[in-house]
C-alpha atoms as a PDB file:
ATOM      1  CA  MET A   1       6.991  -8.369  10.645  1.00  0.00           C
ATOM      2  CA  GLU A   2       9.853  -7.139   8.437  1.00  0.00           C
ATOM      3  CA  ARG A   3       9.120  -6.572   4.735  1.00  0.00           C
ATOM      4  CA  LEU A   4      11.625  -9.257   3.723  1.00  0.00           C
ATOM      5  CA  HIS A   5       9.835 -11.836   5.862  1.00  0.00           C
ATOM      6  CA  ILE A   6       6.453 -10.795   4.447  1.00  0.00           C
ATOM      7  CA  PHE A   7       7.843 -11.280   0.935  1.00  0.00           C
ATOM      8  CA  ALA A   8       9.285 -14.687   1.898  1.00  0.00           C
ATOM      9  CA  LEU A   9       5.967 -15.800   3.402  1.00  0.00           C
ATOM     10  CA  GLY A  10       4.116 -14.837   0.223  1.00  0.00           C
ATOM     11  CA  LEU A  11       6.741 -16.608  -1.872  1.00  0.00           C
ATOM     12  CA  LEU A  12       6.385 -19.741   0.271  1.00  0.00           C
ATOM     13  CA  ILE A  13       2.587 -19.826  -0.162  1.00  0.00           C
ATOM     14  CA  PHE A  14       2.914 -19.290  -3.916  1.00  0.00           C
ATOM     15  CA  SER A  15       5.602 -21.973  -4.284  1.00  0.00           C
ATOM     16  CA  ILE A  16       3.529 -24.549  -2.370  1.00  0.00           C
ATOM     17  CA  ALA A  17       0.545 -23.901  -4.640  1.00  0.00           C
ATOM     18  CA  LEU A  18       2.771 -24.029  -7.723  1.00  0.00           C
ATOM     19  CA  THR A  19       4.382 -27.313  -6.654  1.00  0.00           C
ATOM     20  CA  ILE A  20       1.053 -29.046  -5.926  1.00  0.00           C
ATOM     21  CA  THR A  21      -0.566 -27.816  -9.150  1.00  0.00           C
ATOM     22  CA  SER A  22       2.434 -28.698 -11.312  1.00  0.00           C
ATOM     23  CA  HIS A  23       2.871 -32.177  -9.829  1.00  0.00           C
ATOM     24  CA  ILE A  24      -0.702 -33.380  -9.352  1.00  0.00           C
ATOM     25  CA  ILE A  25      -2.700 -31.512 -12.004  1.00  0.00           C
ATOM     26  CA  LEU A  26      -0.237 -30.668 -14.771  1.00  0.00           C
ATOM     27  CA  SER A  27       2.307 -33.481 -14.205  1.00  0.00           C
ATOM     28  CA  ASN A  28       4.966 -30.982 -15.249  1.00  0.00           C
ATOM     29  CA  ILE A  29       8.371 -31.935 -13.817  1.00  0.00           C
ATOM     30  CA  PRO A  30      10.239 -28.645 -14.607  1.00  0.00           C
ATOM     31  CA  LEU A  31       7.509 -26.539 -12.968  1.00  0.00           C
ATOM     32  CA  THR A  32       7.430 -28.914 -10.000  1.00  0.00           C
ATOM     33  CA  ALA A  33      11.204 -28.529  -9.602  1.00  0.00           C
ATOM     34  CA  LEU A  34      10.849 -24.764  -9.838  1.00  0.00           C
ATOM     35  CA  GLY A  35       8.186 -24.797  -7.125  1.00  0.00           C
ATOM     36  CA  ILE A  36      10.371 -26.902  -4.821  1.00  0.00           C
ATOM     37  CA  GLY A  37      13.300 -24.541  -5.424  1.00  0.00           C
ATOM     38  CA  LEU A  38      11.172 -21.521  -4.536  1.00  0.00           C
ATOM     39  CA  MET A  39       9.968 -23.292  -1.375  1.00  0.00           C
ATOM     40  CA  ILE A  40      13.575 -23.844  -0.279  1.00  0.00           C
ATOM     41  CA  LEU A  41      14.483 -20.212  -1.020  1.00  0.00           C
ATOM     42  CA  ALA A  42      11.487 -18.849   0.901  1.00  0.00           C
ATOM     43  CA  SER A  43      12.161 -21.133   3.877  1.00  0.00           C
ATOM     44  CA  SER A  44      15.799 -20.038   3.963  1.00  0.00           C
ATOM     45  CA  ILE A  45      14.808 -16.373   4.081  1.00  0.00           C
ATOM     46  CA  LEU A  46      12.311 -17.003   6.887  1.00  0.00           C
ATOM     47  CA  LEU A  47      14.866 -18.967   8.926  1.00  0.00           C
ATOM     48  CA  THR A  48      17.661 -16.415   8.505  1.00  0.00           C
ATOM     49  CA  PRO A  49      17.671 -13.740  11.249  1.00  0.00           C
ATOM     50  CA  LEU A  50      17.772 -10.165   9.942  1.00  0.00           C
ATOM     51  CA  GLN A  51      20.192  -9.207  12.720  1.00  0.00           C
ATOM     52  CA  SER A  52      23.093 -11.611  13.166  1.00  0.00           C
ATOM     53  CA  ILE A  53      23.731 -10.430  16.736  1.00  0.00           C
ATOM     54  CA  PRO A  54      20.759  -9.538  18.962  1.00  0.00           C
ATOM     55  CA  PRO A  55      20.787  -5.980  20.388  1.00  0.00           C
ATOM     56  CA  LYS A  56      21.007  -7.339  23.944  1.00  0.00           C
ATOM     57  CA  ALA A  57      24.193  -9.224  23.048  1.00  0.00           C
ATOM     58  CA  VAL A  58      25.778  -6.096  21.555  1.00  0.00           C
ATOM     59  CA  ARG A  59      24.803  -4.105  24.649  1.00  0.00           C
ATOM     60  CA  ALA A  60      26.294  -6.785  26.908  1.00  0.00           C
ATOM     61  CA  MET A  61      29.609  -6.663  25.022  1.00  0.00           C
ATOM     62  CA  LEU A  62      29.754  -2.875  25.265  1.00  0.00           C
ATOM     63  CA  GLU A  63      28.900  -2.931  28.955  1.00  0.00           C
ATOM     64  CA  GLY A  64      31.466  -5.670  29.599  1.00  0.00           C
ATOM     65  CA  SER A  65      34.240  -3.606  27.998  1.00  0.00           C
ATOM     66  CA  ILE A  66      33.628  -0.899  30.595  1.00  0.00           C
ATOM     67  CA  LEU A  67      35.038  -3.157  33.326  1.00  0.00           C
ATOM     68  CA  SER A  68      38.395  -3.472  31.544  1.00  0.00           C
ATOM     69  CA  LEU A  69      38.602   0.274  30.968  1.00  0.00           C
ATOM     70  CA  GLU A  70      37.654   0.925  34.584  1.00  0.00           C
ATOM     71  CA  ALA A  71      40.649  -1.160  35.700  1.00  0.00           C
ATOM     72  CA  ILE A  72      43.016   0.822  33.450  1.00  0.00           C
ATOM     73  CA  LEU A  73      41.669   4.121  34.776  1.00  0.00           C
ATOM     74  CA  GLU A  74      42.159   2.925  38.341  1.00  0.00           C
ATOM     75  CA  GLU A  75      45.720   1.854  37.578  1.00  0.00           C
ATOM     76  CA  PHE A  76      46.645   5.279  36.124  1.00  0.00           C
ATOM     77  CA  ASP A  77      44.552   7.088  38.754  1.00  0.00           C
ATOM     78  CA  VAL A  78      42.901   9.419  36.232  1.00  0.00           C
ATOM     79  CA  SER A  79      39.500  11.011  36.526  1.00  0.00           C
ATOM     80  CA  ARG A  80      39.592  14.010  34.157  1.00  0.00           C
ATOM     81  CA  ARG A  81      37.113  14.122  31.298  1.00  0.00           C
ATOM     82  CA  GLY A  82      38.702  13.025  28.028  1.00  0.00           C
ATOM     83  CA  TYR A  83      38.510  14.231  24.428  1.00  0.00           C
ATOM     84  CA  TYR A  84      37.115  12.028  21.646  1.00  0.00           C
ATOM     85  CA  VAL A  85      39.387  12.487  18.648  1.00  0.00           C
ATOM     86  CA  ARG A  86      39.271  10.877  15.204  1.00  0.00           C
ATOM     87  CA  ALA A  87      42.807   9.982  14.140  1.00  0.00           C
ATOM     88  CA  ASP A  88      44.212   9.624  10.642  1.00  0.00           C
ATOM     89  CA  ASP A  89      43.371   5.896  10.667  1.00  0.00           C
ATOM     90  CA  ASP A  90      39.661   6.902  10.891  1.00  0.00           C
ATOM     91  CA  ARG A  91      39.328   5.434  14.376  1.00  0.00           C
ATOM     92  CA  VAL A  92      38.130   7.461  17.340  1.00  0.00           C
ATOM     93  CA  TYR A  93      40.348   7.531  20.436  1.00  0.00           C
ATOM     94  CA  LEU A  94      39.868   9.097  23.850  1.00  0.00           C
ATOM     95  CA  TYR A  95      42.681  11.403  24.969  1.00  0.00           C
ATOM     96  CA  VAL A  96      42.625  11.876  28.745  1.00  0.00           C
ATOM     97  CA  PRO A  97      44.779  14.754  30.086  1.00  0.00           C
ATOM     98  CA  LEU A  98      47.304  13.643  32.696  1.00  0.00           C
ATOM     99  CA  GLY A  99      47.956  16.222  35.371  1.00  0.00           C
ATOM    100  CA  GLU A 100      46.270  19.561  34.747  1.00  0.00           C
ATOM    101  CA  ASP A 101      43.302  19.872  32.423  1.00  0.00           C
ATOM    102  CA  ARG A 102      44.517  20.509  28.871  1.00  0.00           C
ATOM    103  CA  GLU A 103      43.257  21.469  25.455  1.00  0.00           C
ATOM    104  CA  PRO A 104      42.695  18.558  23.035  1.00  0.00           C
ATOM    105  CA  PRO A 105      45.795  17.373  21.155  1.00  0.00           C
ATOM    106  CA  ALA A 106      46.433  19.030  17.798  1.00  0.00           C
ATOM    107  CA  GLU A 107      48.028  15.975  16.211  1.00  0.00           C
ATOM    108  CA  ARG A 108      45.771  13.471  14.432  1.00  0.00           C
ATOM    109  CA  ALA A 109      48.325  10.726  13.797  1.00  0.00           C
ATOM    110  CA  GLU A 110      47.442   7.206  14.873  1.00  0.00           C
ATOM    111  CA  PRO A 111      48.619   6.862  18.509  1.00  0.00           C
ATOM    112  CA  SER A 112      51.502   4.462  19.052  1.00  0.00           C
ATOM    113  CA  GLY A 113      50.979   3.685  22.729  1.00  0.00           C
ATOM    114  CA  LEU A 114      49.018   4.408  25.867  1.00  0.00           C
ATOM    115  CA  ILE A 115      50.779   7.726  26.498  1.00  0.00           C
ATOM    116  CA  HIS A 116      50.769  10.579  23.988  1.00  0.00           C
ATOM    117  CA  GLU A 117      53.034  13.594  24.534  1.00  0.00           C
ATOM    118  CA  GLU A 118      52.553  16.882  22.734  1.00  0.00           C
ATOM    119  CA  GLY A 119      53.922  20.335  23.545  1.00  0.00           C
ATOM    120  CA  GLY A 120      54.605  19.538  27.174  1.00  0.00           C
ATOM    121  CA  SER A 121      51.185  17.930  27.657  1.00  0.00           C
ATOM    122  CA  ARG A 122      50.677  14.245  28.312  1.00  0.00           C
ATOM    123  CA  TYR A 123      47.546  12.235  27.554  1.00  0.00           C
ATOM    124  CA  LEU A 124      46.419   8.726  28.336  1.00  0.00           C
ATOM    125  CA  VAL A 125      45.084   7.270  25.064  1.00  0.00           C
ATOM    126  CA  LEU A 126      42.243   4.765  25.256  1.00  0.00           C
ATOM    127  CA  ILE A 127      39.875   3.151  22.765  1.00  0.00           C
ATOM    128  CA  PRO A 128      36.196   3.885  23.578  1.00  0.00           C
ATOM    129  CA  PRO A 129      33.781   0.908  23.712  1.00  0.00           C
ATOM    130  CA  ALA A 130      31.997   2.024  20.515  1.00  0.00           C
ATOM    131  CA  SER A 131      35.113   2.892  18.495  1.00  0.00           C
ATOM    132  CA  GLU A 132      34.671  -0.018  16.064  1.00  0.00           C
ATOM    133  CA  LEU A 133      30.882  -0.101  16.225  1.00  0.00           C
ATOM    134  CA  ILE A 134      30.556   3.391  14.746  1.00  0.00           C
ATOM    135  CA  ARG A 135      32.403   2.267  11.593  1.00  0.00           C
ATOM    136  CA  ILE A 136      29.596  -0.009  10.405  1.00  0.00           C
ATOM    137  CA  PRO A 137      28.453   0.676   6.813  1.00  0.00           C
ATOM    138  CA  GLU A 138      24.853   1.413   7.847  1.00  0.00           C
ATOM    139  CA  ILE A 139      25.878   4.849   9.155  1.00  0.00           C
ATOM    140  CA  SER A 140      28.611   5.632   6.656  1.00  0.00           C
ATOM    141  CA  GLY A 141      27.911   9.054   5.188  1.00  0.00           C
ATOM    142  CA  ALA A 142      24.832   9.565   7.385  1.00  0.00           C
ATOM    143  CA  SER A 143      24.013  12.790   9.203  1.00  0.00           C
ATOM    144  CA  LEU A 144      24.589  12.938  12.950  1.00  0.00           C
ATOM    145  CA  ASP A 145      20.833  12.770  13.630  1.00  0.00           C
ATOM    146  CA  SER A 146      20.380   9.688  11.448  1.00  0.00           C
ATOM    147  CA  ALA A 147      23.491   7.965  12.795  1.00  0.00           C
ATOM    148  CA  LEU A 148      22.483   8.508  16.427  1.00  0.00           C
ATOM    149  CA  THR A 149      18.938   7.295  15.768  1.00  0.00           C
ATOM    150  CA  TYR A 150      20.159   4.156  14.018  1.00  0.00           C
ATOM    151  CA  MET A 151      22.688   3.427  16.765  1.00  0.00           C
ATOM    152  CA  PHE A 152      20.503   4.042  19.827  1.00  0.00           C
ATOM    153  CA  VAL A 153      17.054   3.038  18.536  1.00  0.00           C
ATOM    154  CA  ASP A 154      17.554   0.452  15.779  1.00  0.00           C
ATOM    155  CA  LEU A 155      20.838  -1.291  16.547  1.00  0.00           C
ATOM    156  CA  LEU A 156      21.301  -1.155  20.327  1.00  0.00           C
ATOM    157  CA  GLU A 157      17.702  -0.435  21.410  1.00  0.00           C
ATOM    158  CA  PHE A 158      19.049   1.868  24.116  1.00  0.00           C
ATOM    159  CA  ALA A 159      16.184   4.341  23.684  1.00  0.00           C
ATOM    160  CA  ASP A 160      12.820   4.776  21.990  1.00  0.00           C
ATOM    161  CA  SER A 161      13.745   7.985  20.171  1.00  0.00           C
ATOM    162  CA  VAL A 162      16.556  10.509  19.755  1.00  0.00           C
ATOM    163  CA  ASP A 163      16.386  14.301  19.353  1.00  0.00           C
ATOM    164  CA  VAL A 164      19.469  16.302  18.356  1.00  0.00           C
ATOM    165  CA  VAL A 165      19.959  20.078  18.540  1.00  0.00           C
ATOM    166  CA  SER A 166      23.177  21.795  17.428  1.00  0.00           C
ATOM    167  CA  ASN A 167      23.611  25.357  18.687  1.00  0.00           C
ATOM    168  CA  GLY A 168      27.199  26.004  19.692  1.00  0.00           C
ATOM    169  CA  VAL A 169      27.073  22.697  21.544  1.00  0.00           C
ATOM    170  CA  VAL A 170      25.413  19.443  20.515  1.00  0.00           C
ATOM    171  CA  THR A 171      22.472  18.484  22.730  1.00  0.00           C
ATOM    172  CA  ILE A 172      21.149  14.935  22.440  1.00  0.00           C
ATOM    173  CA  ARG A 173      17.961  13.811  24.172  1.00  0.00           C
ATOM    174  CA  LEU A 174      17.356  10.082  24.562  1.00  0.00           C
ATOM    175  CA  ARG A 175      13.786   9.161  25.450  1.00  0.00           C
ATOM    176  CA  ASN A 176      12.980   6.104  27.575  1.00  0.00           C
ATOM    177  CA  VAL A 177      16.603   5.064  28.152  1.00  0.00           C
ATOM    178  CA  LYS A 178      17.015   1.322  28.737  1.00  0.00           C
ATOM    179  CA  SER A 179      20.705   1.197  29.684  1.00  0.00           C
ATOM    180  CA  HIS A 180      21.768   2.025  33.225  1.00  0.00           C
ATOM    181  CA  VAL A 181      25.431   1.057  33.528  1.00  0.00           C
ATOM    182  CA  THR A 182      27.296   2.646  36.422  1.00  0.00           C
ATOM    183  CA  ALA A 183      31.081   2.666  36.782  1.00  0.00           C
ATOM    184  CA  GLY A 184      32.362   5.661  38.711  1.00  0.00           C
ATOM    185  CA  ARG A 185      35.724   6.362  37.140  1.00  0.00           C
ATOM    186  CA  PHE A 186      34.589   5.380  33.640  1.00  0.00           C
ATOM    187  CA  LYS A 187      31.722   7.852  33.864  1.00  0.00           C
ATOM    188  CA  SER A 188      34.059  10.614  35.098  1.00  0.00           C
ATOM    189  CA  VAL A 189      36.445  10.119  32.163  1.00  0.00           C
ATOM    190  CA  PHE A 190      34.291   8.820  29.275  1.00  0.00           C
ATOM    191  CA  GLY A 191      30.842   9.939  30.386  1.00  0.00           C
ATOM    192  CA  SER A 192      28.077   7.348  30.676  1.00  0.00           C
ATOM    193  CA  LEU A 193      27.984   4.556  28.093  1.00  0.00           C
ATOM    194  CA  GLU A 194      25.270   6.417  26.159  1.00  0.00           C
ATOM    195  CA  ALA A 195      27.256   9.663  26.263  1.00  0.00           C
ATOM    196  CA  SER A 196      30.414   7.842  25.196  1.00  0.00           C
ATOM    197  CA  ILE A 197      28.685   6.360  22.152  1.00  0.00           C
ATOM    198  CA  ALA A 198      27.187   9.739  21.236  1.00  0.00           C
ATOM    199  CA  ALA A 199      30.547  11.504  21.605  1.00  0.00           C
ATOM    200  CA  CYS A 200      32.261   8.779  19.585  1.00  0.00           C
ATOM    201  CA  LEU A 201      29.818   9.228  16.711  1.00  0.00           C
ATOM    202  CA  THR A 202      30.073  13.019  16.913  1.00  0.00           C
ATOM    203  CA  ALA A 203      33.886  12.909  16.833  1.00  0.00           C
ATOM    204  CA  ASN A 204      33.747  10.642  13.814  1.00  0.00           C
ATOM    205  CA  LEU A 205      31.284  12.788  11.848  1.00  0.00           C
ATOM    206  CA  ILE A 206      31.873  16.378  13.008  1.00  0.00           C
ATOM    207  CA  GLY A 207      34.989  16.983  15.123  1.00  0.00           C
ATOM    208  CA  VAL A 208      36.681  16.649  18.502  1.00  0.00           C
ATOM    209  CA  ALA A 209      34.007  15.993  21.129  1.00  0.00           C
ATOM    210  CA  ARG A 210      33.906  16.100  24.909  1.00  0.00           C
ATOM    211  CA  VAL A 211      31.029  15.233  27.216  1.00  0.00           C
ATOM    212  CA  SER A 212      30.118  18.476  28.957  1.00  0.00           C
ATOM    213  CA  ASP A 213      27.100  17.394  31.002  1.00  0.00           C
ATOM    214  CA  GLU A 214      24.405  14.759  31.392  1.00  0.00           C
ATOM    215  CA  ILE A 215      20.961  15.474  32.792  1.00  0.00           C
ATOM    216  CA  LEU A 216      18.424  12.833  33.798  1.00  0.00           C
ATOM    217  CA  GLU A 217      14.762  13.726  33.345  1.00  0.00           C
ATOM    218  CA  GLY A 218      12.663  10.765  34.457  1.00  0.00           C
ATOM    219  CA  ASN A 219      13.263   8.002  31.909  1.00  0.00           C
ATOM    220  CA  SER A 220      14.938  10.420  29.510  1.00  0.00           C
ATOM    221  CA  LYS A 221      18.529  11.617  29.389  1.00  0.00           C
ATOM    222  CA  MET A 222      20.006  14.795  27.950  1.00  0.00           C
ATOM    223  CA  ILE A 223      23.643  14.627  26.803  1.00  0.00           C
ATOM    224  CA  ILE A 224      25.516  17.874  26.113  1.00  0.00           C
ATOM    225  CA  LEU A 225      28.682  17.705  24.021  1.00  0.00           C
ATOM    226  CA  GLU A 226      31.353  20.329  23.390  1.00  0.00           C
ATOM    227  CA  VAL A 227      32.415  19.989  19.756  1.00  0.00           C
ATOM    228  CA  ARG A 228      35.269  21.436  17.699  1.00  0.00           C
ATOM    229  CA  GLU A 229      34.650  20.842  14.015  1.00  0.00           C
ATOM    230  CA  HIS A 230      37.247  19.199  11.796  1.00  0.00           C
ATOM    231  CA  GLU A 231      39.483  21.691  10.048  1.00  0.00           C
END
């Protein structure tokens, strides 16, 4: 039970005792009114969910967005791995090289359309499923380890635990992964949904990120990200 609910339960028990004592024994109207008010407050806390949207609902929305992105990728016939880039508007976008594999774009201006051209290179610009989710205040200013743990364990319940190692590349190990979404072209371009979320967070906090590899080990998954720190 959450601490807030434990507090509310104790407050409810106290307020019931206060109301009965004040009304029957003391015949004190102000104290009786106070007890009733505390009962209403405690009941409201107990009836209010701590999470407005259940984790399964958030997961379903993220997984559903993959289908729309899959259709766009099919339409443009792209399958190259994209770069997660934080633009000047503080949103993370995925830049997918069109044609030959390219370096990530140097510009950080907010993209104005689906196609971005820079120095003879062209990129398809897409919004990752977790682009808005990673802007929640709970992870604002947090370290990458803390942000990933909150996102995967507490908010989405995608995994039981998260381990992060940074050594040239960022290696993220998710233990007991509970999400198994498969969409061929999406995975080729974005990485798996878990990798996409991890890369999105990394791009937001550290620098340009790209999913380098994903390794399944039983119920665990290792995600390896190439990262170029913000200048």
